[in-house]
Amino acid sequence: MPSNSYPEHDINQVFDYLSSVLVHGDTAENALDELTFVNRLFSALPAEAVEYGMQFLHGNRDLPEACNEIMPLYIRFVNLIEYCETIEKLREIPSDPTTEQIMERIKMNGSLDELEKPFCKPLLGFAFNKEIPEKVDPSSLPEETKDPDQEKKGTGLHLMNSCAPVFVCKDLVQTACFYETYLGFESVHLDDESMPHIRLSRDNIEIILVEKKTNNDLVPMREIYGIPYDLYIYVSEPMLLQNELINAGVTIVKPLAEFNASSTTNREFVIEDLDGRHICFSQREFSI
């Protein structure tokens, strides 16, 4: 079992850790390929299935039956984590090792062969293809991992990939700089003929910025319609993100409340951007 501490929900942080260990080399030739393979398969899963994978990592074995079909992926995921933890320990060479330390290192070194055995072997009916990095088709994954209600509403082929809200700004560049400097977004200027705009992106979130063309004052949507927020973003670890934004100097309109297991509301906090918009960052609860 893994011995390091990992975030409860943010699998991206775990993959960042795995990548940081493997890119330094001194590992199996196909270790990075295994990381890519496992990452691709997780990226094709519904959010609920990914969340259960994180629970499996933290030792929860009482998972819903719907997880049985993708349990081999969870096992490969944990196997890769154990491999990286072992590699990290072997890189720490004691200056004057004791006999016990030497024997422990021999044992850890011997365990690598067993941990490397499943690397890049077929998983969930898919084979790793290094030459053609194609994304797994979610519709081909086991039916039990999908939300039945979602299946009723959509087709097996996912034609819609993502969405991006459109923010009207007084000054495109100033607003883009705010999101880059304080919120960690990256911006791309696109001179589209129908709508020149700036596309902001961070993680799985995209926002489109367009410049105001009328002379009237810019008023946030929440003030016009009497709603609490101008944008609602689901996040994995609200406490980590709030700390990041506070350290960056972002205005916190509503701070994150203390954790309460009996609470029926999502944990969330609200910030104000350069143009007066209020953006809520909320931790979505997962269930199948």
Protein backbone atom coordinates (compact mmCIF):
# COMPACT_ATOMS: atom_id res chain seq x y z
CA MET A 1 0.00 0.00 0.00
CA PRO A 2 1.17 3.58 -0.65
CA SER A 3 2.70 5.27 2.38
CA ASN A 4 2.80 8.93 1.29
CA SER A 5 -0.02 11.41 1.96
CA TYR A 6 -2.16 12.35 -1.03
CA PRO A 7 -5.06 14.81 -1.50
CA GLU A 8 -8.47 13.33 -0.86
CA HIS A 9 -10.00 14.35 -4.18
CA ASP A 10 -7.55 15.99 -6.59
CA ILE A 11 -6.19 13.21 -8.80
CA ASN A 12 -4.30 15.77 -10.90
CA GLN A 13 -1.96 16.40 -7.98
CA VAL A 14 -1.26 12.68 -7.75
CA PHE A 15 -0.41 12.49 -11.46
CA ASP A 16 1.83 15.55 -11.06
CA TYR A 17 3.70 13.71 -8.30
CA LEU A 18 4.08 10.56 -10.42
CA SER A 19 5.38 12.59 -13.34
CA SER A 20 7.89 14.45 -11.14
CA VAL A 21 9.33 11.12 -9.97
CA LEU A 22 9.50 9.42 -13.36
CA VAL A 23 10.91 12.27 -15.47
CA HIS A 24 14.21 12.09 -13.57
CA GLY A 25 14.98 8.69 -15.10
CA ASP A 26 16.54 5.64 -13.41
CA THR A 27 13.22 3.85 -13.89
CA ALA A 28 11.83 1.18 -16.19
CA GLU A 29 11.91 2.23 -19.84
CA ASN A 30 8.12 2.01 -20.09
CA ALA A 31 7.32 3.64 -16.73
CA LEU A 32 6.40 6.99 -18.30
CA ASP A 33 4.33 5.15 -20.90
CA GLU A 34 2.45 3.41 -18.09
CA LEU A 35 1.78 6.81 -16.51
CA THR A 36 0.42 8.12 -19.82
CA PHE A 37 -1.74 5.03 -20.31
CA VAL A 38 -3.30 5.17 -16.83
CA ASN A 39 -3.82 8.92 -17.13
CA ARG A 40 -5.66 8.55 -20.45
CA LEU A 41 -8.01 5.94 -19.05
CA PHE A 42 -8.83 8.04 -15.99
CA SER A 43 -9.45 11.10 -18.19
CA ALA A 44 -12.18 9.17 -20.01
CA LEU A 45 -14.04 8.18 -16.83
CA PRO A 46 -16.99 10.04 -15.31
CA ALA A 47 -16.07 12.27 -12.36
CA GLU A 48 -17.75 9.85 -9.94
CA ALA A 49 -15.56 6.94 -11.07
CA VAL A 50 -12.42 9.07 -10.68
CA GLU A 51 -13.52 10.02 -7.16
CA TYR A 52 -13.93 6.36 -6.25
CA GLY A 53 -10.43 5.75 -7.61
CA MET A 54 -9.14 8.32 -5.12
CA GLN A 55 -11.08 6.61 -2.35
CA PHE A 56 -9.46 3.30 -3.35
CA LEU A 57 -6.05 4.99 -3.11
CA HIS A 58 -6.89 6.05 0.46
CA GLY A 59 -7.75 2.49 1.47
CA ASN A 60 -11.51 2.40 0.97
CA ARG A 61 -12.43 -1.04 -0.37
CA ASP A 62 -16.17 -0.75 0.26
CA LEU A 63 -16.94 0.72 -3.15
CA PRO A 64 -20.20 0.36 -5.15
CA GLU A 65 -20.59 -2.66 -7.42
CA ALA A 66 -20.49 -0.26 -10.36
CA CYS A 67 -16.73 0.06 -9.72
CA ASN A 68 -16.03 -3.66 -10.17
CA GLU A 69 -15.56 -3.41 -13.92
CA ILE A 70 -12.91 -0.70 -13.61
CA MET A 71 -11.23 -2.07 -10.48
CA PRO A 72 -8.20 -3.21 -12.57
CA LEU A 73 -7.55 0.45 -13.38
CA TYR A 74 -7.64 1.41 -9.70
CA ILE A 75 -5.19 -1.41 -8.94
CA ARG A 76 -2.81 -0.32 -11.73
CA PHE A 77 -3.06 3.26 -10.44
CA VAL A 78 -2.04 2.24 -6.91
CA ASN A 79 0.66 -0.09 -8.28
CA LEU A 80 2.24 2.84 -10.16
CA ILE A 81 2.12 4.99 -7.02
CA GLU A 82 3.86 2.25 -5.00
CA TYR A 83 6.47 1.99 -7.74
CA CYS A 84 7.20 5.74 -7.62
CA GLU A 85 7.36 5.76 -3.83
CA THR A 86 9.89 2.90 -3.96
CA ILE A 87 11.97 4.72 -6.57
CA GLU A 88 12.02 7.83 -4.36
CA LYS A 89 13.19 5.83 -1.34
CA LEU A 90 15.95 4.14 -3.35
CA ARG A 91 17.22 7.53 -4.50
CA GLU A 92 17.87 8.47 -0.86
CA ILE A 93 21.26 6.83 -0.39
CA PRO A 94 22.45 6.88 3.26
CA SER A 95 26.03 8.07 3.74
CA ASP A 96 26.85 5.31 6.23
CA PRO A 97 24.15 2.63 5.82
CA THR A 98 23.54 0.06 8.52
CA THR A 99 23.12 -3.64 7.77
CA GLU A 100 19.39 -3.24 8.31
CA GLN A 101 19.23 -0.36 5.81
CA ILE A 102 21.20 -2.34 3.24
CA MET A 103 18.86 -5.32 3.58
CA GLU A 104 15.83 -3.02 3.27
CA ARG A 105 17.24 -1.48 0.09
CA ILE A 106 17.87 -4.93 -1.40
CA LYS A 107 14.26 -5.84 -0.59
CA MET A 108 12.90 -2.62 -2.17
CA ASN A 109 15.06 -3.10 -5.26
CA GLY A 110 13.74 -6.63 -5.66
CA SER A 111 10.14 -5.42 -5.41
CA LEU A 112 10.58 -3.20 -8.49
CA ASP A 113 10.48 -6.18 -10.86
CA GLU A 114 7.06 -7.20 -9.54
CA LEU A 115 5.72 -3.64 -9.69
CA GLU A 116 6.97 -3.23 -13.28
CA LYS A 117 5.29 -6.41 -14.57
CA PRO A 118 1.89 -4.86 -15.49
CA PHE A 119 3.38 -1.74 -17.13
CA CYS A 120 1.68 -1.01 -20.49
CA LYS A 121 -0.18 -4.32 -20.57
CA PRO A 122 -3.78 -4.13 -21.92
CA LEU A 123 -6.28 -2.68 -19.47
CA LEU A 124 -10.09 -2.45 -19.61
CA GLY A 125 -9.90 -3.80 -23.16
CA PHE A 126 -7.48 -1.09 -24.33
CA ALA A 127 -3.86 -1.45 -25.38
CA PHE A 128 -1.32 1.33 -25.02
CA ASN A 129 -0.27 2.79 -28.37
CA LYS A 130 2.77 5.04 -28.08
CA GLU A 131 2.71 6.08 -31.72
CA ILE A 132 -0.96 7.10 -31.85
CA PRO A 133 -1.97 8.73 -28.56
CA GLU A 134 -5.70 8.43 -29.04
CA LYS A 135 -8.14 9.27 -26.28
CA VAL A 136 -10.32 6.50 -24.92
CA ASP A 137 -13.92 6.71 -26.10
CA PRO A 138 -16.02 7.02 -22.91
CA SER A 139 -18.93 5.23 -24.59
CA SER A 140 -16.83 2.06 -24.83
CA LEU A 141 -16.23 1.87 -21.08
CA PRO A 142 -18.35 -0.47 -18.92
CA GLU A 143 -21.96 0.67 -18.71
CA GLU A 144 -22.00 0.28 -14.91
CA THR A 145 -19.69 3.27 -14.47
CA LYS A 146 -22.10 5.67 -16.14
CA ASP A 147 -24.86 7.72 -14.57
CA PRO A 148 -28.19 6.16 -15.68
CA ASP A 149 -29.92 9.52 -15.55
CA GLN A 150 -27.24 11.02 -17.78
CA GLU A 151 -27.66 8.17 -20.27
CA LYS A 152 -31.33 9.02 -20.58
CA LYS A 153 -30.57 12.64 -21.35
CA GLY A 154 -27.77 12.18 -23.89
CA THR A 155 -26.53 9.88 -26.60
CA GLY A 156 -23.74 7.33 -26.35
CA LEU A 157 -21.57 9.57 -28.53
CA HIS A 158 -20.57 12.72 -26.65
CA LEU A 159 -20.82 15.53 -29.19
CA MET A 160 -20.47 18.31 -26.61
CA ASN A 161 -17.01 18.55 -25.05
CA SER A 162 -16.92 21.66 -22.87
CA CYS A 163 -18.30 25.17 -22.50
CA ALA A 164 -16.91 28.64 -21.85
CA PRO A 165 -18.82 31.58 -20.36
CA VAL A 166 -18.42 34.93 -22.15
CA PHE A 167 -17.36 37.89 -19.98
CA VAL A 168 -17.80 41.43 -21.33
CA CYS A 169 -14.94 43.69 -20.21
CA LYS A 170 -14.08 47.36 -20.15
CA ASP A 171 -10.50 46.55 -21.07
CA LEU A 172 -9.69 43.11 -22.48
CA VAL A 173 -5.98 43.24 -21.69
CA GLN A 174 -6.40 44.48 -18.13
CA THR A 175 -8.95 41.78 -17.32
CA ALA A 176 -6.79 39.09 -18.95
CA CYS A 177 -3.77 40.27 -16.94
CA PHE A 178 -5.82 40.07 -13.73
CA TYR A 179 -6.82 36.46 -14.43
CA GLU A 180 -3.25 35.52 -15.37
CA THR A 181 -1.56 37.30 -12.46
CA TYR A 182 -3.98 36.54 -9.63
CA LEU A 183 -5.97 33.46 -10.67
CA GLY A 184 -3.33 31.44 -12.53
CA PHE A 185 -5.04 31.41 -15.93
CA GLU A 186 -3.24 31.46 -19.28
CA SER A 187 -4.54 33.69 -22.08
CA VAL A 188 -4.60 33.34 -25.85
CA HIS A 189 -5.54 36.30 -28.09
CA LEU A 190 -7.79 35.21 -30.95
CA ASP A 191 -8.63 37.63 -33.77
CA ASP A 192 -11.83 35.94 -34.82
CA GLU A 193 -13.63 37.96 -37.51
CA SER A 194 -17.03 37.67 -35.89
CA MET A 195 -15.81 38.21 -32.31
CA PRO A 196 -12.19 39.11 -31.50
CA HIS A 197 -11.61 37.76 -28.00
CA ILE A 198 -9.18 36.43 -25.42
CA ARG A 199 -9.53 32.85 -24.26
CA LEU A 200 -8.52 32.17 -20.66
CA SER A 201 -7.77 28.64 -19.54
CA ARG A 202 -6.75 26.88 -16.35
CA ASP A 203 -7.07 23.14 -15.68
CA ASN A 204 -10.48 22.21 -17.19
CA ILE A 205 -11.92 25.75 -17.08
CA GLU A 206 -12.10 28.17 -20.01
CA ILE A 207 -13.48 31.74 -20.08
CA ILE A 208 -13.97 33.97 -23.13
CA LEU A 209 -13.27 37.71 -22.72
CA VAL A 210 -14.80 40.20 -25.16
CA GLU A 211 -14.63 43.99 -25.15
CA LYS A 212 -17.72 46.10 -24.45
CA LYS A 213 -18.99 47.82 -27.63
CA THR A 214 -21.65 50.09 -26.11
CA ASN A 215 -21.32 53.28 -24.07
CA ASN A 216 -23.43 52.12 -21.15
CA ASP A 217 -21.79 51.15 -17.87
CA LEU A 218 -20.55 47.62 -17.34
CA VAL A 219 -22.77 45.97 -14.73
CA PRO A 220 -22.17 42.39 -13.48
CA MET A 221 -24.92 39.92 -14.32
CA ARG A 222 -25.64 39.24 -10.63
CA GLU A 223 -26.57 42.90 -10.09
CA ILE A 224 -28.88 42.98 -13.11
CA TYR A 225 -30.79 39.81 -12.22
CA GLY A 226 -30.38 39.74 -8.42
CA ILE A 227 -28.49 36.46 -8.31
CA PRO A 228 -25.58 35.61 -5.95
CA TYR A 229 -22.83 34.89 -8.51
CA ASP A 230 -21.71 35.67 -12.05
CA LEU A 231 -19.91 32.33 -12.44
CA TYR A 232 -19.97 29.03 -10.53
CA ILE A 233 -16.91 26.76 -10.76
CA TYR A 234 -16.63 23.28 -9.23
CA VAL A 235 -13.24 22.55 -7.66
CA SER A 236 -11.53 19.53 -6.09
CA GLU A 237 -9.80 21.13 -3.11
CA PRO A 238 -11.43 24.48 -2.18
CA MET A 239 -9.15 25.05 0.84
CA LEU A 240 -5.99 24.74 -1.26
CA LEU A 241 -7.37 27.03 -3.95
CA GLN A 242 -8.58 29.63 -1.46
CA ASN A 243 -5.15 29.74 0.18
CA GLU A 244 -3.53 30.15 -3.23
CA LEU A 245 -5.81 33.05 -4.17
CA ILE A 246 -5.45 34.76 -0.78
CA ASN A 247 -1.67 34.62 -1.10
CA ALA A 248 -1.99 36.10 -4.60
CA GLY A 249 -3.95 39.07 -3.21
CA VAL A 250 -7.39 38.25 -4.62
CA THR A 251 -10.38 39.86 -2.90
CA ILE A 252 -12.36 37.20 -1.00
CA VAL A 253 -16.01 38.23 -0.76
CA LYS A 254 -17.15 35.13 1.12
CA PRO A 255 -14.51 32.89 2.76
CA LEU A 256 -14.67 29.13 2.96
CA ALA A 257 -16.62 27.96 6.01
CA GLU A 258 -15.08 25.51 8.47
CA PHE A 259 -15.62 21.88 7.54
CA ASN A 260 -18.81 20.42 8.99
CA ALA A 261 -19.60 16.78 8.24
CA SER A 262 -23.29 17.30 8.99
CA SER A 263 -23.65 20.24 6.59
CA THR A 264 -25.98 19.75 3.63
CA THR A 265 -24.41 22.52 1.54
CA ASN A 266 -21.29 22.37 -0.62
CA ARG A 267 -18.10 23.92 0.74
CA GLU A 268 -17.52 27.10 -1.24
CA PHE A 269 -15.93 30.55 -1.27
CA VAL A 270 -16.51 33.63 -3.43
CA ILE A 271 -14.04 36.09 -4.97
CA GLU A 272 -14.43 39.39 -6.84
CA ASP A 273 -12.63 39.94 -10.13
CA LEU A 274 -11.32 43.14 -11.70
CA ASP A 275 -14.70 44.01 -13.27
CA GLY A 276 -16.73 43.43 -10.09
CA ARG A 277 -17.95 39.94 -11.00
CA HIS A 278 -18.44 37.49 -8.15
CA ILE A 279 -17.12 33.98 -8.85
CA CYS A 280 -18.05 31.08 -6.57
CA PHE A 281 -15.70 28.12 -6.20
CA SER A 282 -17.56 25.11 -4.81
CA GLN A 283 -16.64 21.54 -3.93
CA ARG A 284 -19.12 19.22 -5.60
CA GLU A 285 -20.09 16.11 -3.69
CA PHE A 286 -19.76 12.90 -5.69
CA SER A 287 -22.21 10.03 -5.74
CA ILE A 288 -23.38 7.27 -8.07
